[in-house]
N, C-alpha and C. Protein backbone atom coordinates (compact mmCIF):
# COMPACT_ATOMS: atom_id res chain seq x y z
N UNK A 1 97.23 115.45 112.07
CA UNK A 1 96.57 116.48 111.65
C UNK A 1 96.22 116.92 110.20
N UNK A 2 97.51 116.96 109.38
CA UNK A 2 97.44 117.00 107.91
C UNK A 2 96.89 115.63 107.56
N UNK A 3 96.91 114.48 107.87
CA UNK A 3 96.36 113.40 106.94
C UNK A 3 94.95 113.44 107.47
N UNK A 4 94.37 113.76 108.43
CA UNK A 4 93.11 113.75 108.66
C UNK A 4 92.32 114.97 107.72
N UNK A 5 93.26 116.02 107.54
CA UNK A 5 92.56 117.11 106.59
C UNK A 5 92.43 116.89 105.14
N UNK A 6 93.57 115.80 104.57
CA UNK A 6 93.68 115.17 103.34
C UNK A 6 92.58 114.02 103.33
N UNK A 7 92.37 113.32 104.20
CA UNK A 7 91.13 112.31 104.29
C UNK A 7 89.90 113.09 103.99
N UNK A 8 89.59 114.08 104.83
CA UNK A 8 88.44 114.80 104.81
C UNK A 8 88.17 115.27 103.21
N UNK A 9 89.13 115.77 102.71
CA UNK A 9 89.11 116.38 101.52
C UNK A 9 88.69 115.47 100.56
N UNK A 10 89.35 114.43 100.44
CA UNK A 10 89.07 113.47 99.55
C UNK A 10 87.75 112.65 99.83
N UNK A 11 87.28 112.45 101.25
CA UNK A 11 85.78 112.19 101.24
C UNK A 11 84.79 113.14 100.79
N UNK A 12 85.19 114.31 100.90
CA UNK A 12 84.34 115.50 100.38
C UNK A 12 83.98 115.66 99.00
N UNK A 13 85.37 115.48 98.44
CA UNK A 13 85.26 115.27 96.84
C UNK A 13 84.14 114.05 96.22
N UNK A 14 84.65 112.97 96.90
CA UNK A 14 84.04 111.77 96.66
C UNK A 14 82.50 112.14 96.82
N UNK A 15 82.25 112.52 97.63
CA UNK A 15 80.75 112.85 97.87
C UNK A 15 80.11 113.68 97.01
N UNK A 16 81.09 114.73 96.65
CA UNK A 16 80.43 116.00 95.67
C UNK A 16 80.25 115.10 94.23
N UNK A 17 81.16 114.52 93.89
CA UNK A 17 81.05 113.61 92.71
C UNK A 17 79.93 112.60 92.68
N UNK A 18 79.51 111.88 93.71
CA UNK A 18 78.42 111.01 93.90
C UNK A 18 77.18 112.04 93.88
N UNK A 19 76.96 113.20 94.41
CA UNK A 19 75.66 113.76 94.28
C UNK A 19 75.75 114.42 92.75
N UNK A 20 76.90 114.84 92.36
CA UNK A 20 76.79 115.40 90.73
C UNK A 20 75.99 114.09 89.82
N UNK A 21 76.76 113.05 89.89
CA UNK A 21 76.64 111.59 89.15
C UNK A 21 74.70 111.60 89.46
N UNK A 22 74.68 111.28 90.89
CA UNK A 22 73.14 111.07 91.05
C UNK A 22 72.19 111.91 90.72
N UNK A 23 72.53 113.33 90.58
CA UNK A 23 71.63 114.49 90.11
C UNK A 23 71.34 114.56 88.96
N UNK A 24 72.50 114.28 87.80
CA UNK A 24 72.36 114.03 86.49
C UNK A 24 71.47 112.98 85.81
N UNK A 25 70.97 112.21 86.80
CA UNK A 25 70.38 110.65 86.37
C UNK A 25 69.08 111.20 85.74
N UNK A 26 68.44 110.66 84.66
CA UNK A 26 67.47 110.91 84.29
C UNK A 26 66.08 110.86 85.18
N UNK A 27 64.92 111.60 84.88
CA UNK A 27 63.64 111.40 85.62
C UNK A 27 63.25 110.14 85.02
N UNK A 28 63.48 109.65 83.56
CA UNK A 28 62.80 108.42 83.14
C UNK A 28 64.08 107.28 83.07
N UNK A 29 63.53 106.16 83.56
CA UNK A 29 64.46 105.23 83.84
C UNK A 29 64.50 104.31 82.09
N UNK A 30 65.25 104.27 81.38
CA UNK A 30 65.25 103.81 80.24
C UNK A 30 66.35 102.79 79.87
N UNK A 31 65.97 101.68 79.71
CA UNK A 31 67.25 100.64 79.23
C UNK A 31 66.77 99.92 77.74
N UNK A 32 67.66 99.73 77.05
CA UNK A 32 67.53 99.31 75.47
C UNK A 32 68.56 98.25 75.14
N UNK A 33 68.18 97.01 74.67
CA UNK A 33 69.45 95.96 74.33
C UNK A 33 68.85 95.53 73.14
N UNK A 34 69.63 95.28 72.25
CA UNK A 34 69.59 94.85 70.92
C UNK A 34 70.14 93.61 70.39
N UNK A 35 69.75 92.50 69.98
CA UNK A 35 70.35 91.50 69.06
C UNK A 35 69.43 91.14 67.86
N UNK A 36 70.34 90.53 67.06
CA UNK A 36 69.93 90.01 65.90
C UNK A 36 69.73 88.35 65.72
N UNK A 37 68.65 87.90 65.35
CA UNK A 37 68.33 86.32 65.46
C UNK A 37 68.07 86.08 63.98
N UNK A 38 69.01 85.04 63.64
CA UNK A 38 68.71 84.53 62.57
C UNK A 38 67.72 83.58 62.40
N UNK A 39 66.47 84.33 62.18
CA UNK A 39 65.20 83.75 62.55
C UNK A 39 64.25 84.46 62.00
N UNK A 40 63.11 84.25 61.32
CA UNK A 40 62.00 85.02 60.89
C UNK A 40 61.09 85.56 62.38
N UNK A 41 60.67 86.58 62.00
CA UNK A 41 59.78 87.29 63.30
C UNK A 41 58.76 86.66 63.67
N UNK A 42 58.09 85.50 62.78
CA UNK A 42 57.03 84.74 63.21
C UNK A 42 57.44 83.72 64.06
N UNK A 43 58.91 83.16 64.03
CA UNK A 43 59.27 82.19 64.77
C UNK A 43 59.67 82.81 66.13
N UNK A 44 60.11 84.09 66.03
CA UNK A 44 60.72 84.79 67.68
C UNK A 44 59.38 85.17 68.29
N UNK A 45 58.18 85.86 67.61
CA UNK A 45 57.24 86.55 67.91
C UNK A 45 56.42 85.58 69.39
N UNK A 46 56.55 84.27 69.13
CA UNK A 46 55.81 83.75 70.41
C UNK A 46 56.37 83.55 71.43
N UNK A 47 57.94 83.55 71.61
CA UNK A 47 58.62 83.63 72.64
C UNK A 47 58.65 84.90 73.44
N UNK A 48 58.32 85.80 72.72
CA UNK A 48 58.03 87.27 73.44
C UNK A 48 56.51 87.72 74.08
N UNK A 49 55.68 87.16 73.38
CA UNK A 49 54.09 87.39 73.36
C UNK A 49 53.58 86.31 74.27
N UNK A 50 54.33 85.02 74.80
CA UNK A 50 53.60 84.29 75.43
C UNK A 50 54.28 83.70 76.86
N UNK A 51 53.90 84.18 77.93
CA UNK A 51 54.70 84.30 79.05
C UNK A 51 55.18 82.88 79.37
N UNK A 52 54.55 81.95 79.22
CA UNK A 52 55.14 80.61 79.55
C UNK A 52 56.46 80.36 78.81
N UNK A 53 56.21 80.81 77.42
CA UNK A 53 57.48 80.88 76.59
C UNK A 53 58.58 81.93 77.06
N UNK A 54 58.20 82.85 77.28
CA UNK A 54 59.39 83.79 77.62
C UNK A 54 60.00 83.47 78.81
N UNK A 55 59.41 82.44 79.77
CA UNK A 55 60.01 81.95 81.02
C UNK A 55 60.97 81.26 80.75
N UNK A 56 61.11 80.51 79.37
CA UNK A 56 62.21 79.36 78.97
C UNK A 56 63.64 80.41 78.80
N UNK A 57 63.50 81.43 78.43
CA UNK A 57 64.63 82.07 78.14
C UNK A 57 65.15 83.28 79.14
N UNK A 58 64.23 83.91 79.41
CA UNK A 58 64.71 84.99 80.17
C UNK A 58 65.41 84.53 81.52
N UNK A 59 66.27 85.32 82.15
CA UNK A 59 67.11 84.93 82.75
C UNK A 59 67.18 84.71 84.49
N UNK A 60 66.02 85.28 84.82
CA UNK A 60 65.45 85.10 86.31
C UNK A 60 65.30 83.85 86.77
N UNK A 61 64.57 82.69 86.03
CA UNK A 61 64.50 81.50 86.51
C UNK A 61 65.95 80.88 87.01
N UNK A 62 66.69 81.01 86.07
CA UNK A 62 68.06 80.38 86.20
C UNK A 62 69.16 81.07 87.44
N UNK A 63 68.71 82.33 87.47
CA UNK A 63 69.44 82.95 88.64
C UNK A 63 68.74 82.91 90.11
N UNK A 64 67.55 82.54 90.17
CA UNK A 64 66.92 82.50 91.31
C UNK A 64 66.16 81.28 91.68
N UNK A 65 67.10 80.30 92.22
CA UNK A 65 66.19 78.68 92.27
C UNK A 65 65.07 78.84 93.05
N UNK A 66 64.70 79.87 93.82
CA UNK A 66 63.58 79.87 94.47
C UNK A 66 62.17 80.75 93.98
N UNK A 67 62.59 81.04 92.62
CA UNK A 67 61.44 81.69 92.04
C UNK A 67 60.26 80.80 91.62
N UNK A 68 59.39 81.45 91.74
CA UNK A 68 57.85 80.92 91.80
C UNK A 68 57.26 81.65 90.56
N UNK A 69 56.63 81.03 89.51
CA UNK A 69 56.02 81.63 88.45
C UNK A 69 54.46 80.89 88.34
N UNK A 70 53.47 82.05 88.16
CA UNK A 70 52.26 81.38 88.16
C UNK A 70 51.62 82.30 86.92
N UNK A 71 50.52 81.86 86.27
CA UNK A 71 50.41 82.37 84.84
C UNK A 71 48.73 82.59 84.94
N UNK A 72 48.31 83.62 84.27
CA UNK A 72 46.77 84.02 84.55
C UNK A 72 46.43 84.33 82.97
N UNK A 73 45.13 84.02 82.53
CA UNK A 73 44.74 84.22 81.24
C UNK A 73 45.07 83.29 80.19
N UNK A 74 44.71 83.76 78.97
CA UNK A 74 45.02 83.01 77.87
C UNK A 74 46.62 83.24 77.34
N UNK A 75 47.12 82.27 77.26
CA UNK A 75 48.56 82.61 76.69
C UNK A 75 48.78 83.51 75.54
N UNK A 76 49.47 84.46 75.40
CA UNK A 76 49.83 85.23 74.07
C UNK A 76 48.70 85.97 74.03
N UNK A 77 47.80 86.42 74.69
CA UNK A 77 46.88 87.51 74.27
C UNK A 77 46.81 88.51 75.43
N UNK A 78 46.08 89.74 74.87
CA UNK A 78 46.16 90.70 75.66
C UNK A 78 45.55 90.63 77.12
N UNK A 79 45.85 91.12 78.20
CA UNK A 79 45.34 90.65 79.40
C UNK A 79 46.14 89.60 80.36
N UNK A 80 46.97 88.75 79.39
CA UNK A 80 47.36 87.48 80.27
C UNK A 80 48.52 87.93 81.01
N UNK A 81 48.98 87.40 81.98
CA UNK A 81 49.82 87.79 83.27
C UNK A 81 50.46 86.57 83.64
N UNK A 82 51.97 87.35 83.92
CA UNK A 82 52.96 86.49 84.90
C UNK A 82 52.98 86.89 85.95
N UNK A 83 53.00 86.07 87.28
CA UNK A 83 53.42 86.86 88.59
C UNK A 83 54.48 86.03 89.12
N UNK A 84 55.58 86.71 89.67
CA UNK A 84 56.58 86.10 90.09
C UNK A 84 57.03 86.49 91.80
N UNK A 85 57.52 85.33 92.27
CA UNK A 85 58.03 85.51 93.58
C UNK A 85 59.34 84.92 93.88
N UNK A 86 60.42 85.74 94.18
CA UNK A 86 61.60 84.87 94.36
C UNK A 86 62.41 85.68 95.31
N UNK A 87 63.58 84.85 95.91
CA UNK A 87 64.51 85.68 96.80
C UNK A 87 65.39 86.55 96.31
N UNK A 88 65.86 86.22 94.91
CA UNK A 88 66.79 87.21 94.22
C UNK A 88 65.95 88.24 93.49
N UNK A 89 64.85 87.41 92.59
CA UNK A 89 64.08 88.34 91.68
C UNK A 89 62.97 89.19 92.20
N UNK A 90 62.81 89.24 93.50
CA UNK A 90 61.86 89.82 94.20
C UNK A 90 60.20 89.42 93.75
N UNK A 91 59.54 90.19 94.10
CA UNK A 91 58.01 89.86 93.93
C UNK A 91 57.35 90.93 92.68
N UNK A 92 56.70 90.42 91.88
CA UNK A 92 56.21 91.28 90.96
C UNK A 92 55.23 90.55 89.79
N UNK A 93 54.67 91.43 88.95
CA UNK A 93 53.84 90.62 87.95
C UNK A 93 53.97 91.58 86.56
N UNK A 94 53.46 90.83 85.53
CA UNK A 94 53.71 91.65 84.32
C UNK A 94 52.35 91.56 83.41
N UNK A 95 51.58 92.21 82.93
CA UNK A 95 50.57 92.00 82.26
C UNK A 95 50.72 92.49 80.77
N UNK A 96 50.13 91.60 79.87
CA UNK A 96 50.38 91.86 78.17
C UNK A 96 49.36 93.18 78.08
N UNK A 97 49.81 94.29 77.43
CA UNK A 97 48.86 95.35 76.96
C UNK A 97 48.50 95.80 75.79
N UNK A 98 49.56 95.26 74.75
CA UNK A 98 49.83 95.63 73.47
C UNK A 98 50.33 94.42 72.85
N UNK A 99 49.79 94.16 71.48
CA UNK A 99 50.55 93.08 70.60
C UNK A 99 50.08 93.59 69.34
N UNK A 100 51.28 93.42 68.51
CA UNK A 100 50.99 93.73 67.06
C UNK A 100 51.72 92.44 66.19
N UNK A 101 51.06 91.42 66.14
CA UNK A 101 51.55 90.27 65.60
C UNK A 101 52.88 90.34 64.70
N UNK A 102 53.94 89.71 65.29
CA UNK A 102 55.27 89.63 64.65
C UNK A 102 55.98 90.71 64.68
N UNK A 103 55.40 91.76 65.43
CA UNK A 103 56.25 93.15 65.27
C UNK A 103 56.32 93.76 66.58
N UNK A 104 55.47 93.52 67.39
CA UNK A 104 55.81 94.31 68.88
C UNK A 104 54.92 94.07 70.07
N UNK A 105 55.33 94.01 71.04
CA UNK A 105 54.53 93.36 72.35
C UNK A 105 55.05 94.47 73.30
N UNK A 106 54.00 94.82 74.12
CA UNK A 106 54.20 95.76 75.29
C UNK A 106 53.57 95.23 76.59
N UNK A 107 54.43 95.05 77.85
CA UNK A 107 53.78 94.74 78.92
C UNK A 107 53.71 95.74 80.02
N UNK A 108 52.92 95.99 80.90
CA UNK A 108 53.18 96.73 81.99
C UNK A 108 53.55 95.77 83.24
N UNK A 109 54.60 96.26 84.04
CA UNK A 109 55.42 95.56 85.15
C UNK A 109 54.94 96.41 86.37
N UNK A 110 54.61 95.53 87.40
CA UNK A 110 54.44 95.90 88.64
C UNK A 110 55.18 95.41 89.74
N UNK A 111 56.24 96.10 89.93
CA UNK A 111 57.49 95.43 91.04
C UNK A 111 57.24 95.89 92.35
N UNK A 112 57.07 94.93 93.45
CA UNK A 112 57.03 95.04 94.81
C UNK A 112 57.79 96.32 95.24
N UNK A 113 57.36 97.01 95.93
CA UNK A 113 58.27 98.19 96.66
C UNK A 113 58.55 99.38 95.79
N UNK A 114 58.05 99.34 94.49
CA UNK A 114 57.91 100.55 93.66
C UNK A 114 56.61 101.13 93.33
N UNK A 115 56.45 102.67 93.57
CA UNK A 115 55.31 103.20 93.49
C UNK A 115 54.47 103.16 92.11
N UNK A 116 54.99 103.24 91.20
CA UNK A 116 54.71 103.22 89.94
C UNK A 116 55.15 101.97 88.92
N UNK A 117 54.49 101.83 88.03
CA UNK A 117 54.41 100.62 87.18
C UNK A 117 55.54 100.99 86.07
N UNK A 118 56.16 100.10 85.47
CA UNK A 118 57.19 100.09 84.34
C UNK A 118 56.74 99.57 83.28
N UNK A 119 57.21 99.73 81.91
CA UNK A 119 56.78 98.94 80.73
C UNK A 119 58.14 98.22 80.28
N UNK A 120 57.47 97.03 79.70
CA UNK A 120 58.61 96.22 78.98
C UNK A 120 58.31 95.81 77.71
N UNK A 121 59.03 95.98 76.75
CA UNK A 121 58.50 96.26 75.25
C UNK A 121 59.92 95.30 74.55
N UNK A 122 59.07 94.62 73.51
CA UNK A 122 59.91 94.20 72.21
C UNK A 122 59.50 94.75 70.99
N UNK A 123 60.55 94.88 70.24
CA UNK A 123 60.39 95.22 69.02
C UNK A 123 61.05 94.35 67.88
N UNK A 124 60.40 93.65 66.93
CA UNK A 124 60.84 92.96 65.87
C UNK A 124 60.78 93.49 64.54
N UNK A 125 62.15 93.82 64.01
CA UNK A 125 62.37 94.74 62.87
C UNK A 125 63.30 93.54 61.86
N UNK A 126 63.04 93.74 60.51
CA UNK A 126 63.91 92.86 59.60
C UNK A 126 65.11 93.39 59.47
N UNK A 127 66.05 92.47 59.35
CA UNK A 127 67.39 92.91 59.21
C UNK A 127 68.11 91.97 58.19
N UNK A 128 69.10 92.29 57.30
CA UNK A 128 69.53 91.55 56.56
C UNK A 128 70.03 90.42 57.08
N UNK A 129 70.46 90.12 58.36
CA UNK A 129 70.94 88.83 58.88
C UNK A 129 69.77 87.87 59.68
N UNK A 130 68.54 88.52 59.70
CA UNK A 130 67.39 87.62 60.35
C UNK A 130 66.40 89.10 60.90
N UNK A 131 66.35 88.85 62.19
CA UNK A 131 65.32 89.66 62.86
C UNK A 131 66.17 90.43 63.98
N UNK A 132 65.62 91.84 63.81
CA UNK A 132 66.66 92.55 64.83
C UNK A 132 65.55 92.32 65.94
N UNK A 133 65.81 92.09 67.37
CA UNK A 133 64.88 92.10 68.41
C UNK A 133 65.26 93.34 69.50
N UNK A 134 64.50 94.33 69.75
CA UNK A 134 65.01 95.44 70.74
C UNK A 134 64.08 94.98 72.07
N UNK A 135 64.69 95.04 72.89
CA UNK A 135 64.13 94.76 74.48
C UNK A 135 64.55 96.11 75.32
N UNK A 136 63.08 96.67 75.42
CA UNK A 136 63.14 98.13 76.32
C UNK A 136 62.65 97.80 77.68
N UNK A 137 63.14 98.61 78.60
CA UNK A 137 62.46 98.85 79.89
C UNK A 137 62.55 100.31 80.21
N UNK A 138 61.12 100.93 80.35
CA UNK A 138 60.94 102.03 80.68
C UNK A 138 60.19 102.13 82.09
N UNK A 139 60.60 103.26 82.89
CA UNK A 139 60.12 103.49 84.23
C UNK A 139 60.26 104.96 84.76
N UNK A 140 60.07 105.09 85.93
CA UNK A 140 60.16 106.53 86.41
C UNK A 140 61.14 106.40 87.70
N UNK A 141 61.91 107.31 87.70
CA UNK A 141 63.01 107.28 88.79
C UNK A 141 62.43 108.20 89.92
N UNK A 142 61.58 107.63 90.81
CA UNK A 142 60.71 108.41 91.85
C UNK A 142 61.67 108.79 93.14
N UNK A 143 61.37 109.81 93.53
CA UNK A 143 61.81 110.22 94.77
C UNK A 143 63.39 110.42 95.04
N UNK A 144 63.64 110.71 96.18
CA UNK A 144 64.97 110.88 96.85
C UNK A 144 65.96 109.71 96.25
N UNK A 145 65.28 108.43 96.53
CA UNK A 145 66.17 107.19 95.96
C UNK A 145 66.20 106.70 94.66
N UNK A 146 65.21 107.28 94.21
CA UNK A 146 64.80 106.87 92.67
C UNK A 146 66.07 106.58 91.69
N UNK A 147 67.02 107.94 91.67
CA UNK A 147 68.27 107.78 90.90
C UNK A 147 69.07 107.18 91.31
N UNK A 148 69.62 107.15 92.48
CA UNK A 148 70.62 106.37 92.95
C UNK A 148 70.21 105.02 92.88
N UNK A 149 68.97 104.57 93.07
CA UNK A 149 68.64 103.27 92.84
C UNK A 149 68.64 102.65 91.63
N UNK A 150 68.44 103.49 90.45
CA UNK A 150 68.54 103.50 89.11
C UNK A 150 69.95 102.92 88.63
N UNK A 151 70.95 103.76 89.24
CA UNK A 151 72.24 103.74 88.99
C UNK A 151 72.69 102.14 89.11
N UNK A 152 72.08 101.31 90.22
CA UNK A 152 72.54 99.80 90.37
C UNK A 152 71.75 99.13 89.72
N UNK A 153 70.07 99.76 89.80
CA UNK A 153 69.39 98.55 89.08
C UNK A 153 69.73 98.71 87.41
N UNK A 154 69.92 99.77 87.04
CA UNK A 154 69.96 100.02 85.57
C UNK A 154 71.09 98.96 85.12
N UNK A 155 72.23 99.41 85.81
CA UNK A 155 73.67 98.35 85.43
C UNK A 155 73.23 96.68 85.72
N UNK A 156 72.48 96.43 86.47
CA UNK A 156 72.24 94.71 86.96
C UNK A 156 71.29 94.24 85.61
N UNK A 157 70.30 95.46 85.43
CA UNK A 157 69.31 94.87 84.69
C UNK A 157 69.83 94.95 83.14
N UNK A 158 70.75 95.75 82.88
CA UNK A 158 71.58 95.72 81.70
C UNK A 158 72.28 94.44 81.32
N UNK A 159 72.79 93.93 82.27
CA UNK A 159 73.54 92.50 82.16
C UNK A 159 72.35 91.56 81.99
N UNK A 160 71.40 91.51 82.65
CA UNK A 160 70.08 90.45 82.64
C UNK A 160 69.51 90.53 81.27
N UNK A 161 69.28 91.60 80.60
CA UNK A 161 68.78 91.74 79.39
C UNK A 161 69.58 91.26 78.17
N UNK A 162 71.02 91.57 78.69
CA UNK A 162 71.82 91.22 77.55
C UNK A 162 72.00 89.40 77.54
N UNK A 163 71.72 88.89 78.62
CA UNK A 163 71.92 87.41 78.78
C UNK A 163 70.71 86.82 78.41
N UNK A 164 69.63 87.62 78.81
CA UNK A 164 68.34 86.83 78.27
C UNK A 164 68.17 86.98 76.66
N UNK A 165 68.84 87.97 76.00
CA UNK A 165 68.47 88.14 74.55
C UNK A 165 69.49 86.79 73.93
N UNK A 166 70.74 86.66 74.69
CA UNK A 166 71.78 85.67 74.02
C UNK A 166 71.05 84.31 74.31
N UNK A 167 70.51 84.30 75.40
CA UNK A 167 69.79 82.76 75.47
C UNK A 167 68.62 82.93 74.45
N UNK A 168 67.82 83.70 74.10
CA UNK A 168 66.74 83.55 73.05
C UNK A 168 67.29 83.31 71.86
N UNK A 169 68.58 83.92 71.51
CA UNK A 169 69.12 83.73 70.14
C UNK A 169 69.45 82.41 70.16
N UNK A 170 70.17 81.94 71.14
CA UNK A 170 70.94 80.41 71.17
C UNK A 170 69.59 79.27 71.11
N UNK A 171 68.70 79.83 71.94
CA UNK A 171 67.61 78.54 71.71
C UNK A 171 66.57 78.52 70.33
N UNK A 172 66.68 79.82 70.06
CA UNK A 172 65.78 79.82 68.50
C UNK A 172 67.02 79.40 67.36
N UNK A 173 68.13 79.82 67.48
CA UNK A 173 68.80 79.45 66.21
C UNK A 173 69.49 77.73 66.21
N UNK A 174 69.53 77.25 67.42
CA UNK A 174 69.57 75.71 67.70
C UNK A 174 68.31 75.17 67.23
N UNK A 175 67.40 75.58 67.52
CA UNK A 175 66.02 74.76 67.11
C UNK A 175 66.02 74.74 65.69
N UNK A 176 66.51 76.06 64.91
CA UNK A 176 66.16 75.98 63.35
C UNK A 176 67.66 75.55 62.64
N UNK A 177 68.41 75.16 63.35
CA UNK A 177 69.71 74.56 62.79
C UNK A 177 69.22 73.23 62.09
N UNK A 178 70.10 73.06 60.78
CA UNK A 178 69.79 71.79 60.46
C UNK A 178 70.31 70.55 61.19
N UNK A 179 69.75 69.40 61.09
CA UNK A 179 70.49 68.16 62.00
C UNK A 179 71.85 67.93 61.53
N UNK A 180 72.71 67.77 62.41
CA UNK A 180 74.17 67.43 62.21
C UNK A 180 74.82 68.80 61.93
N UNK A 181 74.19 69.94 62.15
CA UNK A 181 75.01 71.16 61.84
C UNK A 181 75.86 71.71 63.10
N UNK A 182 76.96 71.55 63.32
CA UNK A 182 77.51 72.28 64.54
C UNK A 182 78.01 73.45 64.42
């Protein structure tokens, strides 16, 4: 009986901690990752503003062998769109909404199963070691399940954004490296 009381107390404490952690999650889901790439912003910008080029470095095609992507509109222009379907990546689309050449890209994402859209943005800033690339996600934690879902999704998305930025950095810096430079 004493063991049962201890177990019930432990479960109660864990549940209380979970409720507190979930309740303090923000209404706005925000994720931001940064990397510095040794290249000018004019070299990096097309990889962020053109969905076909974006698809060469973002992590989801490598993570989801079943991922299918289709593209609409004129590449790298406002209104262009990428649509994806995949077993792991899920279903969604992204439409280019704002462009400030060599400085900023903003897209609106629609993800299946989410009531609201989210934004995906890239900001390019000059840094003494090259160009600072900031990749952000902004969304809303809707409903009772929004906050607990963000706890998991935010963690997964963070690692995917980090991997994507590392892929971008490697791809661009290797293309700019002088021949024979190891």
